[in-house]
């Protein structure tokens, strides 16, 4: 392995190792019986009221899941009622969230080829058992950096610095895969290679090019 070869792959969780975020939101809205547009509006109003998105504060541990729900439901139209009906938000959310099995299979192949794999995720403390149950975390990742444990989230450059420090790797030896451009910008500015996730097939192709690694997609069961 050459001195300048990329030997570390960093991946996002939601929307990359899972189905798309928009799909999860829509399935959640369907389950609680409230139009998605109404829920989005409530989130926007809560953001204006508190100066930060409820999810951002939740993902850094600044508020609890219960506090996040309180902020959002307070902005729903009168008469909406208890949309959760006593059910935990996380439980309903993860009913609409499933693993991207094709990309998981690719990560297994990447690790088998000697590339280190790390997870950099904006996530929720109360959801730790739920999201970890969707993936073979200990088999896939050499390192997990979780915003809810760090108190800082993407795209704050600090969380990328912590990632690189713990990996003990130069930025130019890493490729970062995320589905949100906002999260890719700080990585590029630090010198990391980046791939914007659109589809699994596209991501595998682009990451493979950077890693100089050719994985037999058919053998690994990786699809579009």
C-alpha atoms as a PDB file:
ATOM      1  CA  UNK A   1       0.000   0.000   0.000  1.00  0.00           C
ATOM      2  CA  UNK A   2       1.449   3.319  -1.077  1.00  0.00           C
ATOM      3  CA  UNK A   3       2.000   6.124   1.361  1.00  0.00           C
ATOM      4  CA  UNK A   4      -0.640   8.299  -0.303  1.00  0.00           C
ATOM      5  CA  UNK A   5      -3.265   5.639  -0.780  1.00  0.00           C
ATOM      6  CA  UNK A   6      -6.727   6.233   0.706  1.00  0.00           C
ATOM      7  CA  UNK A   7      -7.104   3.515   3.318  1.00  0.00           C
ATOM      8  CA  UNK A   8     -10.027   4.722   5.430  1.00  0.00           C
ATOM      9  CA  UNK A   9     -13.706   4.971   4.522  1.00  0.00           C
ATOM     10  CA  UNK A  10     -16.024   7.077   6.691  1.00  0.00           C
ATOM     11  CA  UNK A  11     -19.760   6.736   6.195  1.00  0.00           C
ATOM     12  CA  UNK A  12     -22.937   8.433   7.380  1.00  0.00           C
ATOM     13  CA  UNK A  13     -25.841   6.474   8.877  1.00  0.00           C
ATOM     14  CA  UNK A  14     -29.285   7.920   8.066  1.00  0.00           C
ATOM     15  CA  UNK A  15     -30.052   8.031   4.345  1.00  0.00           C
ATOM     16  CA  UNK A  16     -26.847   6.181   3.461  1.00  0.00           C
ATOM     17  CA  UNK A  17     -26.831   2.997   5.517  1.00  0.00           C
ATOM     18  CA  UNK A  18     -30.626   3.249   5.758  1.00  0.00           C
ATOM     19  CA  UNK A  19     -33.475   4.060   3.416  1.00  0.00           C
ATOM     20  CA  UNK A  20     -33.839   7.787   2.519  1.00  0.00           C
ATOM     21  CA  UNK A  21     -34.730  10.274   5.248  1.00  0.00           C
ATOM     22  CA  UNK A  22     -37.686  11.614   3.265  1.00  0.00           C
ATOM     23  CA  UNK A  23     -39.145   8.128   3.055  1.00  0.00           C
ATOM     24  CA  UNK A  24     -38.803   7.656   6.812  1.00  0.00           C
ATOM     25  CA  UNK A  25     -40.553  10.991   7.470  1.00  0.00           C
ATOM     26  CA  UNK A  26     -43.409  10.073   5.148  1.00  0.00           C
ATOM     27  CA  UNK A  27     -43.910   6.671   6.762  1.00  0.00           C
ATOM     28  CA  UNK A  28     -43.900   8.325  10.194  1.00  0.00           C
ATOM     29  CA  UNK A  29     -46.517  10.846   9.068  1.00  0.00           C
ATOM     30  CA  UNK A  30     -48.671   8.050   7.712  1.00  0.00           C
ATOM     31  CA  UNK A  31     -48.500   6.173  11.010  1.00  0.00           C
ATOM     32  CA  UNK A  32     -49.488   9.141  13.168  1.00  0.00           C
ATOM     33  CA  UNK A  33     -52.190  10.256  10.746  1.00  0.00           C
ATOM     34  CA  UNK A  34     -50.897  13.802  10.227  1.00  0.00           C
ATOM     35  CA  UNK A  35     -49.934  15.193   6.788  1.00  0.00           C
ATOM     36  CA  UNK A  36     -46.193  15.420   6.324  1.00  0.00           C
ATOM     37  CA  UNK A  37     -46.503  19.090   5.364  1.00  0.00           C
ATOM     38  CA  UNK A  38     -48.125  19.803   8.744  1.00  0.00           C
ATOM     39  CA  UNK A  39     -45.303  18.077  10.616  1.00  0.00           C
ATOM     40  CA  UNK A  40     -42.660  19.919   8.592  1.00  0.00           C
ATOM     41  CA  UNK A  41     -44.353  23.236   9.351  1.00  0.00           C
ATOM     42  CA  UNK A  42     -44.389  22.412  13.074  1.00  0.00           C
ATOM     43  CA  UNK A  43     -40.655  21.651  12.960  1.00  0.00           C
ATOM     44  CA  UNK A  44     -39.995  24.965  11.182  1.00  0.00           C
ATOM     45  CA  UNK A  45     -42.006  26.921  13.738  1.00  0.00           C
ATOM     46  CA  UNK A  46     -40.213  25.209  16.617  1.00  0.00           C
ATOM     47  CA  UNK A  47     -36.911  26.096  14.948  1.00  0.00           C
ATOM     48  CA  UNK A  48     -37.916  29.755  14.762  1.00  0.00           C
ATOM     49  CA  UNK A  49     -39.034  29.740  18.387  1.00  0.00           C
ATOM     50  CA  UNK A  50     -35.911  28.134  19.852  1.00  0.00           C
ATOM     51  CA  UNK A  51     -33.251  29.232  17.361  1.00  0.00           C
ATOM     52  CA  UNK A  52     -32.229  25.694  16.411  1.00  0.00           C
ATOM     53  CA  UNK A  53     -33.972  22.762  14.810  1.00  0.00           C
ATOM     54  CA  UNK A  54     -35.445  20.340  17.343  1.00  0.00           C
ATOM     55  CA  UNK A  55     -33.508  17.499  15.745  1.00  0.00           C
ATOM     56  CA  UNK A  56     -30.230  19.406  15.969  1.00  0.00           C
ATOM     57  CA  UNK A  57     -30.676  19.945  19.700  1.00  0.00           C
ATOM     58  CA  UNK A  58     -31.760  16.335  20.139  1.00  0.00           C
ATOM     59  CA  UNK A  59     -28.774  15.005  18.200  1.00  0.00           C
ATOM     60  CA  UNK A  60     -26.310  16.866  20.410  1.00  0.00           C
ATOM     61  CA  UNK A  61     -28.040  15.823  23.614  1.00  0.00           C
ATOM     62  CA  UNK A  62     -29.039  19.414  24.400  1.00  0.00           C
ATOM     63  CA  UNK A  63     -32.630  18.244  24.857  1.00  0.00           C
ATOM     64  CA  UNK A  64     -34.279  14.890  25.486  1.00  0.00           C
ATOM     65  CA  UNK A  65     -36.575  13.083  23.100  1.00  0.00           C
ATOM     66  CA  UNK A  66     -39.529  14.096  25.291  1.00  0.00           C
ATOM     67  CA  UNK A  67     -38.489  17.755  25.108  1.00  0.00           C
ATOM     68  CA  UNK A  68     -38.161  17.537  21.339  1.00  0.00           C
ATOM     69  CA  UNK A  69     -41.661  16.088  21.036  1.00  0.00           C
ATOM     70  CA  UNK A  70     -42.991  18.829  23.286  1.00  0.00           C
ATOM     71  CA  UNK A  71     -41.474  21.528  21.105  1.00  0.00           C
ATOM     72  CA  UNK A  72     -42.909  20.107  17.903  1.00  0.00           C
ATOM     73  CA  UNK A  73     -46.378  19.094  19.087  1.00  0.00           C
ATOM     74  CA  UNK A  74     -46.865  22.553  20.614  1.00  0.00           C
ATOM     75  CA  UNK A  75     -46.659  23.943  17.073  1.00  0.00           C
ATOM     76  CA  UNK A  76     -49.232  21.567  15.556  1.00  0.00           C
ATOM     77  CA  UNK A  77     -52.665  22.973  14.642  1.00  0.00           C
ATOM     78  CA  UNK A  78     -55.278  23.096  17.435  1.00  0.00           C
ATOM     79  CA  UNK A  79     -57.285  19.906  17.643  1.00  0.00           C
ATOM     80  CA  UNK A  80     -54.519  17.723  16.263  1.00  0.00           C
ATOM     81  CA  UNK A  81     -54.469  15.760  19.480  1.00  0.00           C
ATOM     82  CA  UNK A  82     -51.830  13.385  20.829  1.00  0.00           C
ATOM     83  CA  UNK A  83     -50.360  12.126  17.577  1.00  0.00           C
ATOM     84  CA  UNK A  84     -48.117   9.626  19.347  1.00  0.00           C
ATOM     85  CA  UNK A  85     -50.949   8.173  21.455  1.00  0.00           C
ATOM     86  CA  UNK A  86     -48.477   7.329  24.200  1.00  0.00           C
ATOM     87  CA  UNK A  87     -46.076   5.560  21.858  1.00  0.00           C
ATOM     88  CA  UNK A  88     -42.364   6.518  21.914  1.00  0.00           C
ATOM     89  CA  UNK A  89     -41.363   8.701  18.966  1.00  0.00           C
ATOM     90  CA  UNK A  90     -38.309   6.546  18.349  1.00  0.00           C
ATOM     91  CA  UNK A  91     -40.396   3.394  18.115  1.00  0.00           C
ATOM     92  CA  UNK A  92     -42.619   4.883  15.404  1.00  0.00           C
ATOM     93  CA  UNK A  93     -39.659   6.452  13.617  1.00  0.00           C
ATOM     94  CA  UNK A  94     -37.729   3.195  13.362  1.00  0.00           C
ATOM     95  CA  UNK A  95     -40.733   1.314  12.025  1.00  0.00           C
ATOM     96  CA  UNK A  96     -40.024   3.281   8.866  1.00  0.00           C
ATOM     97  CA  UNK A  97     -36.264   2.857   8.941  1.00  0.00           C
ATOM     98  CA  UNK A  98     -34.387  -0.156   7.642  1.00  0.00           C
ATOM     99  CA  UNK A  99     -30.823  -0.948   6.716  1.00  0.00           C
ATOM    100  CA  UNK A 100     -29.390  -0.543   3.228  1.00  0.00           C
ATOM    101  CA  UNK A 101     -28.349  -4.184   3.042  1.00  0.00           C
ATOM    102  CA  UNK A 102     -26.486  -3.741  -0.248  1.00  0.00           C
ATOM    103  CA  UNK A 103     -24.230  -1.055   1.173  1.00  0.00           C
ATOM    104  CA  UNK A 104     -23.714  -3.075   4.339  1.00  0.00           C
ATOM    105  CA  UNK A 105     -22.513  -5.958   2.161  1.00  0.00           C
ATOM    106  CA  UNK A 106     -20.143  -3.566   0.374  1.00  0.00           C
ATOM    107  CA  UNK A 107     -18.684  -2.360   3.659  1.00  0.00           C
ATOM    108  CA  UNK A 108     -18.005  -5.943   4.666  1.00  0.00           C
ATOM    109  CA  UNK A 109     -16.099  -6.409   1.390  1.00  0.00           C
ATOM    110  CA  UNK A 110     -14.175  -3.163   1.888  1.00  0.00           C
ATOM    111  CA  UNK A 111     -13.065  -4.206   5.360  1.00  0.00           C
ATOM    112  CA  UNK A 112     -12.068  -7.629   4.081  1.00  0.00           C
ATOM    113  CA  UNK A 113      -9.818  -5.851   1.572  1.00  0.00           C
ATOM    114  CA  UNK A 114      -7.971  -4.134   4.420  1.00  0.00           C
ATOM    115  CA  UNK A 115      -9.663  -0.719   4.398  1.00  0.00           C
ATOM    116  CA  UNK A 116     -10.658   0.737   7.754  1.00  0.00           C
ATOM    117  CA  UNK A 117     -14.325   1.738   8.015  1.00  0.00           C
ATOM    118  CA  UNK A 118     -15.704   4.350  10.435  1.00  0.00           C
ATOM    119  CA  UNK A 119     -19.168   5.720  11.118  1.00  0.00           C
ATOM    120  CA  UNK A 120     -19.748   9.451  11.578  1.00  0.00           C
ATOM    121  CA  UNK A 121     -23.386   9.959  12.527  1.00  0.00           C
ATOM    122  CA  UNK A 122     -25.729  12.640  13.777  1.00  0.00           C
ATOM    123  CA  UNK A 123     -27.849  10.515  16.059  1.00  0.00           C
ATOM    124  CA  UNK A 124     -29.961  10.459  19.211  1.00  0.00           C
ATOM    125  CA  UNK A 125     -28.962   9.169  22.638  1.00  0.00           C
ATOM    126  CA  UNK A 126     -32.349   7.549  23.300  1.00  0.00           C
ATOM    127  CA  UNK A 127     -32.253   5.824  19.923  1.00  0.00           C
ATOM    128  CA  UNK A 128     -28.908   4.094  20.420  1.00  0.00           C
ATOM    129  CA  UNK A 129     -30.371   0.597  20.951  1.00  0.00           C
ATOM    130  CA  UNK A 130     -32.722   1.096  17.991  1.00  0.00           C
ATOM    131  CA  UNK A 131     -30.229   2.256  15.384  1.00  0.00           C
ATOM    132  CA  UNK A 132     -27.561  -0.175  16.459  1.00  0.00           C
ATOM    133  CA  UNK A 133     -30.090  -2.997  16.055  1.00  0.00           C
ATOM    134  CA  UNK A 134     -30.355  -2.177  12.334  1.00  0.00           C
ATOM    135  CA  UNK A 135     -26.646  -2.872  11.649  1.00  0.00           C
ATOM    136  CA  UNK A 136     -23.886  -5.297  12.677  1.00  0.00           C
ATOM    137  CA  UNK A 137     -22.041  -2.327  14.171  1.00  0.00           C
ATOM    138  CA  UNK A 138     -19.153  -4.199  15.788  1.00  0.00           C
ATOM    139  CA  UNK A 139     -18.481  -6.158  12.585  1.00  0.00           C
ATOM    140  CA  UNK A 140     -18.607  -3.134  10.285  1.00  0.00           C
ATOM    141  CA  UNK A 141     -16.793  -0.289  12.009  1.00  0.00           C
ATOM    142  CA  UNK A 142     -13.372   0.328  13.456  1.00  0.00           C
ATOM    143  CA  UNK A 143     -14.699   3.522  15.036  1.00  0.00           C
ATOM    144  CA  UNK A 144     -18.092   5.106  15.702  1.00  0.00           C
ATOM    145  CA  UNK A 145     -18.368   8.848  16.324  1.00  0.00           C
ATOM    146  CA  UNK A 146     -21.913   9.727  17.413  1.00  0.00           C
ATOM    147  CA  UNK A 147     -23.051  13.350  17.789  1.00  0.00           C
ATOM    148  CA  UNK A 148     -25.254  12.571  20.788  1.00  0.00           C
ATOM    149  CA  UNK A 149     -22.194  11.339  22.678  1.00  0.00           C
ATOM    150  CA  UNK A 150     -19.942  14.154  21.452  1.00  0.00           C
ATOM    151  CA  UNK A 151     -22.282  17.101  22.106  1.00  0.00           C
ATOM    152  CA  UNK A 152     -21.485  18.390  18.628  1.00  0.00           C
ATOM    153  CA  UNK A 153     -22.848  17.376  15.233  1.00  0.00           C
ATOM    154  CA  UNK A 154     -22.127  17.596  11.530  1.00  0.00           C
ATOM    155  CA  UNK A 155     -21.454  19.997   9.891  1.00  0.00           C
ATOM    156  CA  UNK A 156     -19.499  21.502  12.820  1.00  0.00           C
ATOM    157  CA  UNK A 157     -15.797  20.980  11.903  1.00  0.00           C
ATOM    158  CA  UNK A 158     -15.050  19.918  15.482  1.00  0.00           C
ATOM    159  CA  UNK A 159     -16.669  16.518  15.071  1.00  0.00           C
ATOM    160  CA  UNK A 160     -14.553  15.834  11.968  1.00  0.00           C
ATOM    161  CA  UNK A 161     -11.400  16.802  13.878  1.00  0.00           C
ATOM    162  CA  UNK A 162     -12.326  14.342  16.627  1.00  0.00           C
ATOM    163  CA  UNK A 163     -12.934  11.620  14.055  1.00  0.00           C
ATOM    164  CA  UNK A 164      -9.550  12.104  12.396  1.00  0.00           C
ATOM    165  CA  UNK A 165      -7.733  12.324  15.728  1.00  0.00           C
ATOM    166  CA  UNK A 166      -9.198   9.042  16.954  1.00  0.00           C
ATOM    167  CA  UNK A 167      -8.476   7.342  13.659  1.00  0.00           C
ATOM    168  CA  UNK A 168      -4.943   8.809  13.776  1.00  0.00           C
ATOM    169  CA  UNK A 169      -5.075   9.319  10.033  1.00  0.00           C
ATOM    170  CA  UNK A 170      -4.325  12.195   7.664  1.00  0.00           C
ATOM    171  CA  UNK A 171      -7.436  13.687   6.024  1.00  0.00           C
ATOM    172  CA  UNK A 172      -6.180  12.915   2.519  1.00  0.00           C
ATOM    173  CA  UNK A 173      -6.179   9.201   3.348  1.00  0.00           C
ATOM    174  CA  UNK A 174      -9.919   9.258   4.080  1.00  0.00           C
ATOM    175  CA  UNK A 175     -12.997   9.254   1.895  1.00  0.00           C
ATOM    176  CA  UNK A 176     -16.264  10.424   3.436  1.00  0.00           C
ATOM    177  CA  UNK A 177     -19.659   9.246   2.147  1.00  0.00           C
ATOM    178  CA  UNK A 178     -22.741  11.283   3.103  1.00  0.00           C
ATOM    179  CA  UNK A 179     -26.083  12.127   1.509  1.00  0.00           C
ATOM    180  CA  UNK A 180     -26.098  15.791   2.607  1.00  0.00           C
ATOM    181  CA  UNK A 181     -23.918  18.338   0.848  1.00  0.00           C
ATOM    182  CA  UNK A 182     -23.796  20.509   3.963  1.00  0.00           C
ATOM    183  CA  UNK A 183     -22.022  17.676   5.768  1.00  0.00           C
ATOM    184  CA  UNK A 184     -19.535  17.096   2.948  1.00  0.00           C
ATOM    185  CA  UNK A 185     -18.263  20.687   2.828  1.00  0.00           C
ATOM    186  CA  UNK A 186     -16.273  20.638   6.134  1.00  0.00           C
ATOM    187  CA  UNK A 187     -14.758  17.281   5.213  1.00  0.00           C
ATOM    188  CA  UNK A 188     -13.485  18.677   1.898  1.00  0.00           C
ATOM    189  CA  UNK A 189     -12.187  21.797   3.611  1.00  0.00           C
ATOM    190  CA  UNK A 190     -10.168  19.590   5.965  1.00  0.00           C
ATOM    191  CA  UNK A 191      -8.694  17.729   3.016  1.00  0.00           C
ATOM    192  CA  UNK A 192     -10.809  14.581   3.045  1.00  0.00           C
ATOM    193  CA  UNK A 193     -12.050  13.076  -0.199  1.00  0.00           C
ATOM    194  CA  UNK A 194     -15.846  13.118  -0.400  1.00  0.00           C
ATOM    195  CA  UNK A 195     -18.607  11.234  -2.193  1.00  0.00           C
ATOM    196  CA  UNK A 196     -22.192  12.473  -2.250  1.00  0.00           C
ATOM    197  CA  UNK A 197     -24.541   9.516  -1.841  1.00  0.00           C
ATOM    198  CA  UNK A 198     -27.343   9.310  -4.381  1.00  0.00           C
ATOM    199  CA  UNK A 199     -27.809   5.597  -5.000  1.00  0.00           C
ATOM    200  CA  UNK A 200     -25.970   2.588  -3.685  1.00  0.00           C
ATOM    201  CA  UNK A 201     -24.612   1.642  -7.113  1.00  0.00           C
ATOM    202  CA  UNK A 202     -23.313   5.169  -7.701  1.00  0.00           C
ATOM    203  CA  UNK A 203     -21.773   5.372  -4.228  1.00  0.00           C
ATOM    204  CA  UNK A 204     -20.058   2.007  -4.592  1.00  0.00           C
ATOM    205  CA  UNK A 205     -18.643   3.029  -7.955  1.00  0.00           C
ATOM    206  CA  UNK A 206     -17.374   6.422  -6.748  1.00  0.00           C
ATOM    207  CA  UNK A 207     -15.958   5.114  -3.474  1.00  0.00           C
ATOM    208  CA  UNK A 208     -14.349   2.161  -5.268  1.00  0.00           C
ATOM    209  CA  UNK A 209     -12.613   4.512  -7.681  1.00  0.00           C
ATOM    210  CA  UNK A 210     -11.115   6.530  -4.837  1.00  0.00           C
ATOM    211  CA  UNK A 211     -10.086   3.429  -2.907  1.00  0.00           C
ATOM    212  CA  UNK A 212      -8.739   1.806  -6.073  1.00  0.00           C
ATOM    213  CA  UNK A 213     -10.788  -1.198  -5.054  1.00  0.00           C
ATOM    214  CA  UNK A 214     -12.833  -3.318  -7.436  1.00  0.00           C
ATOM    215  CA  UNK A 215     -15.561  -5.282  -5.692  1.00  0.00           C
ATOM    216  CA  UNK A 216     -17.610  -7.827  -7.609  1.00  0.00           C
ATOM    217  CA  UNK A 217     -21.065  -6.327  -7.069  1.00  0.00           C
ATOM    218  CA  UNK A 218     -22.805  -9.485  -8.203  1.00  0.00           C
ATOM    219  CA  UNK A 219     -20.837 -11.666  -5.832  1.00  0.00           C
ATOM    220  CA  UNK A 220     -21.456  -9.279  -2.956  1.00  0.00           C
ATOM    221  CA  UNK A 221     -25.141  -8.861  -3.775  1.00  0.00           C
ATOM    222  CA  UNK A 222     -24.843  -5.118  -4.161  1.00  0.00           C
ATOM    223  CA  UNK A 223     -27.585  -3.579  -6.270  1.00  0.00           C
ATOM    224  CA  UNK A 224     -28.817  -0.146  -7.331  1.00  0.00           C
END
